[in-house]
């Protein structure tokens, strides 16, 4: 139950960052729903632009080709935590962006500065338009996209815990292979020149390795409510 009516509570912008498999999406959606906030999955936007590149024959291994095409797709993100929609040029891609092909190419596309500039601008406009406040999840929200966010949270977990969770999501996936893929992606995202995956200096770190999803949600809800109370 909400302790504050979302309509009368001060708007709060919450940035939740961290690598994949830490419970970021599940936590962010649940917190937003519980507190009456909008929700934005920024990773889905990078997946959407990657999906468009793949479907339009852009060589994602060639940064200049990716940069030239970065402004072409029209990406629209819904912000309802109960049903976060995403379309590209009017096509619903919520399922299509989760394929292994897109997953394997998203880091390369995300590393291109022109892509990050385009998507970052989109993310900032969505956040600024969220009247009641918003939970924005990603990899560079607290450091680059919304450095003035009211609350920054960085979720972490051991590679083993993350691989087990991600394998559970990808039914029948090999845990060892999943762990290797996660570490590879972490390295790519943490070492890219433009907006790397990093913990903001003023972020609250929450290690989710030994916590249930419900415990993580309760922890984050408490942090948000404490921040609201001081606004």
C-alpha atoms as a PDB file:
ATOM      1  CA  UNK A   1       0.000   0.000   0.000  1.00  0.00           C
ATOM      2  CA  UNK A   2       1.195   3.504  -0.781  1.00  0.00           C
ATOM      3  CA  UNK A   3       2.058   5.626   2.202  1.00  0.00           C
ATOM      4  CA  UNK A   4       1.681   8.773   0.120  1.00  0.00           C
ATOM      5  CA  UNK A   5      -0.968   9.569  -2.463  1.00  0.00           C
ATOM      6  CA  UNK A   6       0.900   9.691  -5.786  1.00  0.00           C
ATOM      7  CA  UNK A   7      -1.183  12.659  -6.936  1.00  0.00           C
ATOM      8  CA  UNK A   8      -0.190  14.837  -4.021  1.00  0.00           C
ATOM      9  CA  UNK A   9       3.345  13.540  -3.477  1.00  0.00           C
ATOM     10  CA  UNK A  10       6.163  15.600  -4.968  1.00  0.00           C
ATOM     11  CA  UNK A  11       7.388  14.331  -8.337  1.00  0.00           C
ATOM     12  CA  UNK A  12      10.549  12.303  -7.955  1.00  0.00           C
ATOM     13  CA  UNK A  13      12.994  11.169 -10.644  1.00  0.00           C
ATOM     14  CA  UNK A  14      14.629   7.842  -9.805  1.00  0.00           C
ATOM     15  CA  UNK A  15      17.613   6.485 -11.763  1.00  0.00           C
ATOM     16  CA  UNK A  16      18.259   2.748 -11.430  1.00  0.00           C
ATOM     17  CA  UNK A  17      21.451   1.494 -13.069  1.00  0.00           C
ATOM     18  CA  UNK A  18      23.352  -1.760 -13.117  1.00  0.00           C
ATOM     19  CA  UNK A  19      24.310  -4.673 -15.332  1.00  0.00           C
ATOM     20  CA  UNK A  20      21.786  -7.169 -16.687  1.00  0.00           C
ATOM     21  CA  UNK A  21      20.567  -9.958 -14.428  1.00  0.00           C
ATOM     22  CA  UNK A  22      20.451  -7.849 -11.264  1.00  0.00           C
ATOM     23  CA  UNK A  23      16.661  -7.586 -11.223  1.00  0.00           C
ATOM     24  CA  UNK A  24      16.661  -4.054 -12.621  1.00  0.00           C
ATOM     25  CA  UNK A  25      13.594  -4.284 -14.861  1.00  0.00           C
ATOM     26  CA  UNK A  26      11.409  -6.275 -12.475  1.00  0.00           C
ATOM     27  CA  UNK A  27      12.332  -3.982  -9.595  1.00  0.00           C
ATOM     28  CA  UNK A  28      11.884  -0.753 -11.550  1.00  0.00           C
ATOM     29  CA  UNK A  29       8.459  -1.723 -12.920  1.00  0.00           C
ATOM     30  CA  UNK A  30       7.190  -2.849  -9.523  1.00  0.00           C
ATOM     31  CA  UNK A  31       8.457   0.260  -7.712  1.00  0.00           C
ATOM     32  CA  UNK A  32       6.921   2.568 -10.334  1.00  0.00           C
ATOM     33  CA  UNK A  33       3.569   0.745 -10.160  1.00  0.00           C
ATOM     34  CA  UNK A  34       3.520   0.761  -6.354  1.00  0.00           C
ATOM     35  CA  UNK A  35       4.345   4.463  -6.074  1.00  0.00           C
ATOM     36  CA  UNK A  36       2.286   5.763  -9.007  1.00  0.00           C
ATOM     37  CA  UNK A  37       5.303   6.745 -11.097  1.00  0.00           C
ATOM     38  CA  UNK A  38       5.982   6.463 -14.811  1.00  0.00           C
ATOM     39  CA  UNK A  39       8.566   3.899 -15.962  1.00  0.00           C
ATOM     40  CA  UNK A  40      11.173   3.858 -18.706  1.00  0.00           C
ATOM     41  CA  UNK A  41      13.272   0.895 -19.808  1.00  0.00           C
ATOM     42  CA  UNK A  42      16.159   2.587 -21.614  1.00  0.00           C
ATOM     43  CA  UNK A  43      17.691  -0.745 -22.590  1.00  0.00           C
ATOM     44  CA  UNK A  44      14.584  -1.434 -24.684  1.00  0.00           C
ATOM     45  CA  UNK A  45      15.272   1.765 -26.629  1.00  0.00           C
ATOM     46  CA  UNK A  46      18.790   0.628 -27.479  1.00  0.00           C
ATOM     47  CA  UNK A  47      17.420  -2.768 -28.416  1.00  0.00           C
ATOM     48  CA  UNK A  48      14.798  -1.062 -30.602  1.00  0.00           C
ATOM     49  CA  UNK A  49      17.345   0.946 -32.567  1.00  0.00           C
ATOM     50  CA  UNK A  50      19.486  -2.205 -32.896  1.00  0.00           C
ATOM     51  CA  UNK A  51      16.464  -4.144 -34.176  1.00  0.00           C
ATOM     52  CA  UNK A  52      15.849  -1.411 -36.759  1.00  0.00           C
ATOM     53  CA  UNK A  53      19.499  -1.483 -37.892  1.00  0.00           C
ATOM     54  CA  UNK A  54      19.425  -5.280 -38.309  1.00  0.00           C
ATOM     55  CA  UNK A  55      16.118  -5.181 -40.205  1.00  0.00           C
ATOM     56  CA  UNK A  56      17.292  -2.429 -42.508  1.00  0.00           C
ATOM     57  CA  UNK A  57      20.530  -4.102 -43.492  1.00  0.00           C
ATOM     58  CA  UNK A  58      22.840  -1.727 -41.614  1.00  0.00           C
ATOM     59  CA  UNK A  59      26.241  -3.277 -40.868  1.00  0.00           C
ATOM     60  CA  UNK A  60      26.277  -2.981 -37.069  1.00  0.00           C
ATOM     61  CA  UNK A  61      30.006  -3.774 -37.046  1.00  0.00           C
ATOM     62  CA  UNK A  62      30.630  -0.514 -38.947  1.00  0.00           C
ATOM     63  CA  UNK A  63      30.221   2.449 -36.534  1.00  0.00           C
ATOM     64  CA  UNK A  64      30.039   5.010 -39.343  1.00  0.00           C
ATOM     65  CA  UNK A  65      27.095   3.195 -40.987  1.00  0.00           C
ATOM     66  CA  UNK A  66      25.346   2.968 -37.625  1.00  0.00           C
ATOM     67  CA  UNK A  67      26.036   6.664 -36.946  1.00  0.00           C
ATOM     68  CA  UNK A  68      24.638   7.698 -40.343  1.00  0.00           C
ATOM     69  CA  UNK A  69      21.394   5.807 -39.678  1.00  0.00           C
ATOM     70  CA  UNK A  70      20.970   6.759 -36.002  1.00  0.00           C
ATOM     71  CA  UNK A  71      18.446   9.519 -36.682  1.00  0.00           C
ATOM     72  CA  UNK A  72      16.188   7.540 -39.011  1.00  0.00           C
ATOM     73  CA  UNK A  73      13.992   5.252 -36.885  1.00  0.00           C
ATOM     74  CA  UNK A  74      11.050   6.770 -34.987  1.00  0.00           C
ATOM     75  CA  UNK A  75      11.155   5.195 -31.523  1.00  0.00           C
ATOM     76  CA  UNK A  76       8.211   5.699 -29.156  1.00  0.00           C
ATOM     77  CA  UNK A  77       8.303   4.369 -25.584  1.00  0.00           C
ATOM     78  CA  UNK A  78       5.243   3.908 -23.412  1.00  0.00           C
ATOM     79  CA  UNK A  79       5.759   4.693 -19.723  1.00  0.00           C
ATOM     80  CA  UNK A  80       3.034   2.587 -18.073  1.00  0.00           C
ATOM     81  CA  UNK A  81       4.851   0.181 -15.710  1.00  0.00           C
ATOM     82  CA  UNK A  82       2.033  -2.355 -16.073  1.00  0.00           C
ATOM     83  CA  UNK A  83       2.431  -2.505 -19.863  1.00  0.00           C
ATOM     84  CA  UNK A  84       5.602  -0.788 -21.088  1.00  0.00           C
ATOM     85  CA  UNK A  85       5.089  -0.575 -24.859  1.00  0.00           C
ATOM     86  CA  UNK A  86       7.721   0.263 -27.466  1.00  0.00           C
ATOM     87  CA  UNK A  87       7.255   0.899 -31.174  1.00  0.00           C
ATOM     88  CA  UNK A  88       9.615   1.602 -34.063  1.00  0.00           C
ATOM     89  CA  UNK A  89       8.092   3.453 -37.031  1.00  0.00           C
ATOM     90  CA  UNK A  90       4.673   2.471 -35.665  1.00  0.00           C
ATOM     91  CA  UNK A  91       5.475  -1.257 -35.330  1.00  0.00           C
ATOM     92  CA  UNK A  92       5.182  -2.937 -31.923  1.00  0.00           C
ATOM     93  CA  UNK A  93       8.630  -4.429 -31.263  1.00  0.00           C
ATOM     94  CA  UNK A  94       8.274  -5.376 -27.563  1.00  0.00           C
ATOM     95  CA  UNK A  95       8.835  -9.056 -28.392  1.00  0.00           C
ATOM     96  CA  UNK A  96      11.093  -8.706 -31.419  1.00  0.00           C
ATOM     97  CA  UNK A  97      13.774  -6.747 -29.532  1.00  0.00           C
ATOM     98  CA  UNK A  98      14.349  -9.628 -27.078  1.00  0.00           C
ATOM     99  CA  UNK A  99      15.756 -12.070 -29.653  1.00  0.00           C
ATOM    100  CA  UNK A 100      19.266 -13.456 -29.316  1.00  0.00           C
ATOM    101  CA  UNK A 101      20.264 -11.679 -32.537  1.00  0.00           C
ATOM    102  CA  UNK A 102      19.403  -8.266 -31.094  1.00  0.00           C
ATOM    103  CA  UNK A 103      20.942  -9.153 -27.716  1.00  0.00           C
ATOM    104  CA  UNK A 104      24.244 -10.093 -29.367  1.00  0.00           C
ATOM    105  CA  UNK A 105      24.447  -6.813 -31.290  1.00  0.00           C
ATOM    106  CA  UNK A 106      23.064  -4.213 -28.896  1.00  0.00           C
ATOM    107  CA  UNK A 107      26.409  -3.437 -27.207  1.00  0.00           C
ATOM    108  CA  UNK A 108      28.065  -2.602 -30.540  1.00  0.00           C
ATOM    109  CA  UNK A 109      25.212  -0.302 -31.586  1.00  0.00           C
ATOM    110  CA  UNK A 110      24.976   1.285 -28.110  1.00  0.00           C
ATOM    111  CA  UNK A 111      28.668   2.187 -28.189  1.00  0.00           C
ATOM    112  CA  UNK A 112      28.257   4.526 -31.176  1.00  0.00           C
ATOM    113  CA  UNK A 113      28.227   8.150 -29.868  1.00  0.00           C
ATOM    114  CA  UNK A 114      25.578   9.300 -32.359  1.00  0.00           C
ATOM    115  CA  UNK A 115      23.243   6.544 -31.177  1.00  0.00           C
ATOM    116  CA  UNK A 116      23.772   7.462 -27.524  1.00  0.00           C
ATOM    117  CA  UNK A 117      23.216  11.164 -28.234  1.00  0.00           C
ATOM    118  CA  UNK A 118      19.942  10.419 -30.043  1.00  0.00           C
ATOM    119  CA  UNK A 119      18.602   8.022 -27.388  1.00  0.00           C
ATOM    120  CA  UNK A 120      19.797  10.159 -24.463  1.00  0.00           C
ATOM    121  CA  UNK A 121      17.873  13.145 -25.847  1.00  0.00           C
ATOM    122  CA  UNK A 122      14.775  10.947 -26.149  1.00  0.00           C
ATOM    123  CA  UNK A 123      15.184   9.701 -22.565  1.00  0.00           C
ATOM    124  CA  UNK A 124      15.561  13.193 -21.134  1.00  0.00           C
ATOM    125  CA  UNK A 125      12.445  14.437 -22.917  1.00  0.00           C
ATOM    126  CA  UNK A 126      10.405  11.499 -21.569  1.00  0.00           C
ATOM    127  CA  UNK A 127      11.685  12.049 -18.019  1.00  0.00           C
ATOM    128  CA  UNK A 128      10.972  15.780 -18.088  1.00  0.00           C
ATOM    129  CA  UNK A 129       7.406  15.150 -19.296  1.00  0.00           C
ATOM    130  CA  UNK A 130       6.569  12.735 -16.463  1.00  0.00           C
ATOM    131  CA  UNK A 131       4.319  14.838 -14.244  1.00  0.00           C
ATOM    132  CA  UNK A 132       4.192  12.506 -11.223  1.00  0.00           C
ATOM    133  CA  UNK A 133       7.813  11.457 -11.526  1.00  0.00           C
ATOM    134  CA  UNK A 134       9.469   8.467 -13.175  1.00  0.00           C
ATOM    135  CA  UNK A 135      11.694   5.456 -12.579  1.00  0.00           C
ATOM    136  CA  UNK A 136      14.298   5.275 -15.358  1.00  0.00           C
ATOM    137  CA  UNK A 137      16.400   2.121 -15.582  1.00  0.00           C
ATOM    138  CA  UNK A 138      19.526   1.546 -17.607  1.00  0.00           C
ATOM    139  CA  UNK A 139      23.311   1.618 -17.498  1.00  0.00           C
ATOM    140  CA  UNK A 140      24.230   5.310 -17.595  1.00  0.00           C
ATOM    141  CA  UNK A 141      21.143   7.064 -16.208  1.00  0.00           C
ATOM    142  CA  UNK A 142      22.649   8.400 -12.976  1.00  0.00           C
ATOM    143  CA  UNK A 143      25.977   9.305 -14.592  1.00  0.00           C
ATOM    144  CA  UNK A 144      25.012  10.688 -18.006  1.00  0.00           C
ATOM    145  CA  UNK A 145      21.310  10.806 -18.859  1.00  0.00           C
ATOM    146  CA  UNK A 146      19.865  12.231 -15.624  1.00  0.00           C
ATOM    147  CA  UNK A 147      22.827  13.336 -13.476  1.00  0.00           C
ATOM    148  CA  UNK A 148      20.434  15.517 -11.437  1.00  0.00           C
ATOM    149  CA  UNK A 149      18.025  12.654 -10.623  1.00  0.00           C
ATOM    150  CA  UNK A 150      16.505  12.922  -7.131  1.00  0.00           C
ATOM    151  CA  UNK A 151      17.598   9.388  -6.253  1.00  0.00           C
ATOM    152  CA  UNK A 152      20.215   7.157  -7.883  1.00  0.00           C
ATOM    153  CA  UNK A 153      20.369   3.443  -7.203  1.00  0.00           C
ATOM    154  CA  UNK A 154      22.975   1.009  -8.534  1.00  0.00           C
ATOM    155  CA  UNK A 155      21.940  -2.644  -8.424  1.00  0.00           C
ATOM    156  CA  UNK A 156      24.673  -5.270  -8.364  1.00  0.00           C
ATOM    157  CA  UNK A 157      24.817  -9.045  -7.979  1.00  0.00           C
ATOM    158  CA  UNK A 158      27.429 -11.755  -8.347  1.00  0.00           C
ATOM    159  CA  UNK A 159      27.916 -13.132 -11.886  1.00  0.00           C
ATOM    160  CA  UNK A 160      26.639 -16.498 -10.610  1.00  0.00           C
ATOM    161  CA  UNK A 161      23.404 -15.037  -9.234  1.00  0.00           C
ATOM    162  CA  UNK A 162      22.849 -12.995 -12.373  1.00  0.00           C
ATOM    163  CA  UNK A 163      23.472 -15.962 -14.686  1.00  0.00           C
ATOM    164  CA  UNK A 164      21.067 -18.136 -12.701  1.00  0.00           C
ATOM    165  CA  UNK A 165      18.343 -15.474 -12.948  1.00  0.00           C
ATOM    166  CA  UNK A 166      18.913 -14.788 -16.620  1.00  0.00           C
ATOM    167  CA  UNK A 167      18.927 -18.538 -17.400  1.00  0.00           C
ATOM    168  CA  UNK A 168      15.619 -18.792 -15.579  1.00  0.00           C
ATOM    169  CA  UNK A 169      14.249 -16.057 -17.839  1.00  0.00           C
ATOM    170  CA  UNK A 170      15.708 -17.682 -20.959  1.00  0.00           C
ATOM    171  CA  UNK A 171      14.079 -21.070 -20.468  1.00  0.00           C
ATOM    172  CA  UNK A 172      16.561 -23.919 -20.812  1.00  0.00           C
ATOM    173  CA  UNK A 173      19.588 -21.657 -21.170  1.00  0.00           C
ATOM    174  CA  UNK A 174      23.002 -22.954 -20.143  1.00  0.00           C
ATOM    175  CA  UNK A 175      24.001 -21.159 -16.918  1.00  0.00           C
ATOM    176  CA  UNK A 176      27.740 -21.251 -17.701  1.00  0.00           C
ATOM    177  CA  UNK A 177      27.187 -19.896 -21.217  1.00  0.00           C
ATOM    178  CA  UNK A 178      24.825 -17.241 -19.864  1.00  0.00           C
ATOM    179  CA  UNK A 179      27.414 -16.207 -17.253  1.00  0.00           C
ATOM    180  CA  UNK A 180      30.093 -15.910 -19.948  1.00  0.00           C
ATOM    181  CA  UNK A 181      27.783 -13.808 -22.136  1.00  0.00           C
ATOM    182  CA  UNK A 182      26.890 -11.523 -19.207  1.00  0.00           C
ATOM    183  CA  UNK A 183      30.548 -10.946 -18.329  1.00  0.00           C
ATOM    184  CA  UNK A 184      31.371 -10.248 -21.987  1.00  0.00           C
ATOM    185  CA  UNK A 185      28.574  -7.700 -22.196  1.00  0.00           C
ATOM    186  CA  UNK A 186      29.586  -6.087 -18.876  1.00  0.00           C
ATOM    187  CA  UNK A 187      33.100  -5.636 -20.209  1.00  0.00           C
ATOM    188  CA  UNK A 188      31.852  -4.101 -23.462  1.00  0.00           C
ATOM    189  CA  UNK A 189      29.448  -1.761 -21.670  1.00  0.00           C
ATOM    190  CA  UNK A 190      31.901  -0.776 -18.914  1.00  0.00           C
ATOM    191  CA  UNK A 191      34.819  -0.016 -21.231  1.00  0.00           C
ATOM    192  CA  UNK A 192      33.095   1.857 -24.057  1.00  0.00           C
ATOM    193  CA  UNK A 193      34.249   5.455 -24.470  1.00  0.00           C
ATOM    194  CA  UNK A 194      30.798   7.040 -24.521  1.00  0.00           C
ATOM    195  CA  UNK A 195      28.676   6.819 -21.353  1.00  0.00           C
ATOM    196  CA  UNK A 196      30.031   3.549 -19.956  1.00  0.00           C
ATOM    197  CA  UNK A 197      28.174   1.425 -17.428  1.00  0.00           C
ATOM    198  CA  UNK A 198      29.283   2.971 -14.139  1.00  0.00           C
ATOM    199  CA  UNK A 199      28.035   3.694 -10.638  1.00  0.00           C
ATOM    200  CA  UNK A 200      27.423   7.388  -9.971  1.00  0.00           C
ATOM    201  CA  UNK A 201      29.353   8.775  -6.984  1.00  0.00           C
ATOM    202  CA  UNK A 202      26.107   9.660  -5.214  1.00  0.00           C
ATOM    203  CA  UNK A 203      24.268   6.403  -5.994  1.00  0.00           C
ATOM    204  CA  UNK A 204      23.047   3.991  -3.335  1.00  0.00           C
ATOM    205  CA  UNK A 205      24.434   0.529  -4.108  1.00  0.00           C
ATOM    206  CA  UNK A 206      22.151  -2.443  -3.482  1.00  0.00           C
ATOM    207  CA  UNK A 207      23.635  -5.948  -3.837  1.00  0.00           C
ATOM    208  CA  UNK A 208      20.761  -8.229  -4.845  1.00  0.00           C
ATOM    209  CA  UNK A 209      22.723 -11.519  -4.881  1.00  0.00           C
ATOM    210  CA  UNK A 210      21.099 -12.914  -1.718  1.00  0.00           C
ATOM    211  CA  UNK A 211      17.823 -10.978  -1.793  1.00  0.00           C
ATOM    212  CA  UNK A 212      14.466 -12.059  -3.174  1.00  0.00           C
ATOM    213  CA  UNK A 213      12.886  -9.782  -5.769  1.00  0.00           C
ATOM    214  CA  UNK A 214      10.311  -8.690  -3.172  1.00  0.00           C
ATOM    215  CA  UNK A 215      13.084  -7.698  -0.764  1.00  0.00           C
ATOM    216  CA  UNK A 216      14.797  -5.623  -3.447  1.00  0.00           C
ATOM    217  CA  UNK A 217      11.507  -3.909  -4.318  1.00  0.00           C
ATOM    218  CA  UNK A 218      10.809  -3.096  -0.654  1.00  0.00           C
ATOM    219  CA  UNK A 219      14.321  -1.711  -0.228  1.00  0.00           C
ATOM    220  CA  UNK A 220      13.983   0.586  -3.259  1.00  0.00           C
ATOM    221  CA  UNK A 221      10.438   1.693  -2.342  1.00  0.00           C
ATOM    222  CA  UNK A 222      11.743   2.703   1.097  1.00  0.00           C
ATOM    223  CA  UNK A 223      14.587   4.703  -0.472  1.00  0.00           C
ATOM    224  CA  UNK A 224      12.155   6.501  -2.815  1.00  0.00           C
ATOM    225  CA  UNK A 225       9.704   7.290  -0.006  1.00  0.00           C
ATOM    226  CA  UNK A 226      12.527   8.666   2.149  1.00  0.00           C
ATOM    227  CA  UNK A 227      13.587  10.893  -0.753  1.00  0.00           C
ATOM    228  CA  UNK A 228      10.011  12.059  -1.342  1.00  0.00           C
ATOM    229  CA  UNK A 229       9.674  12.956   2.334  1.00  0.00           C
ATOM    230  CA  UNK A 230      12.621  15.351   2.105  1.00  0.00           C
ATOM    231  CA  UNK A 231      11.522  17.127  -1.090  1.00  0.00           C
END
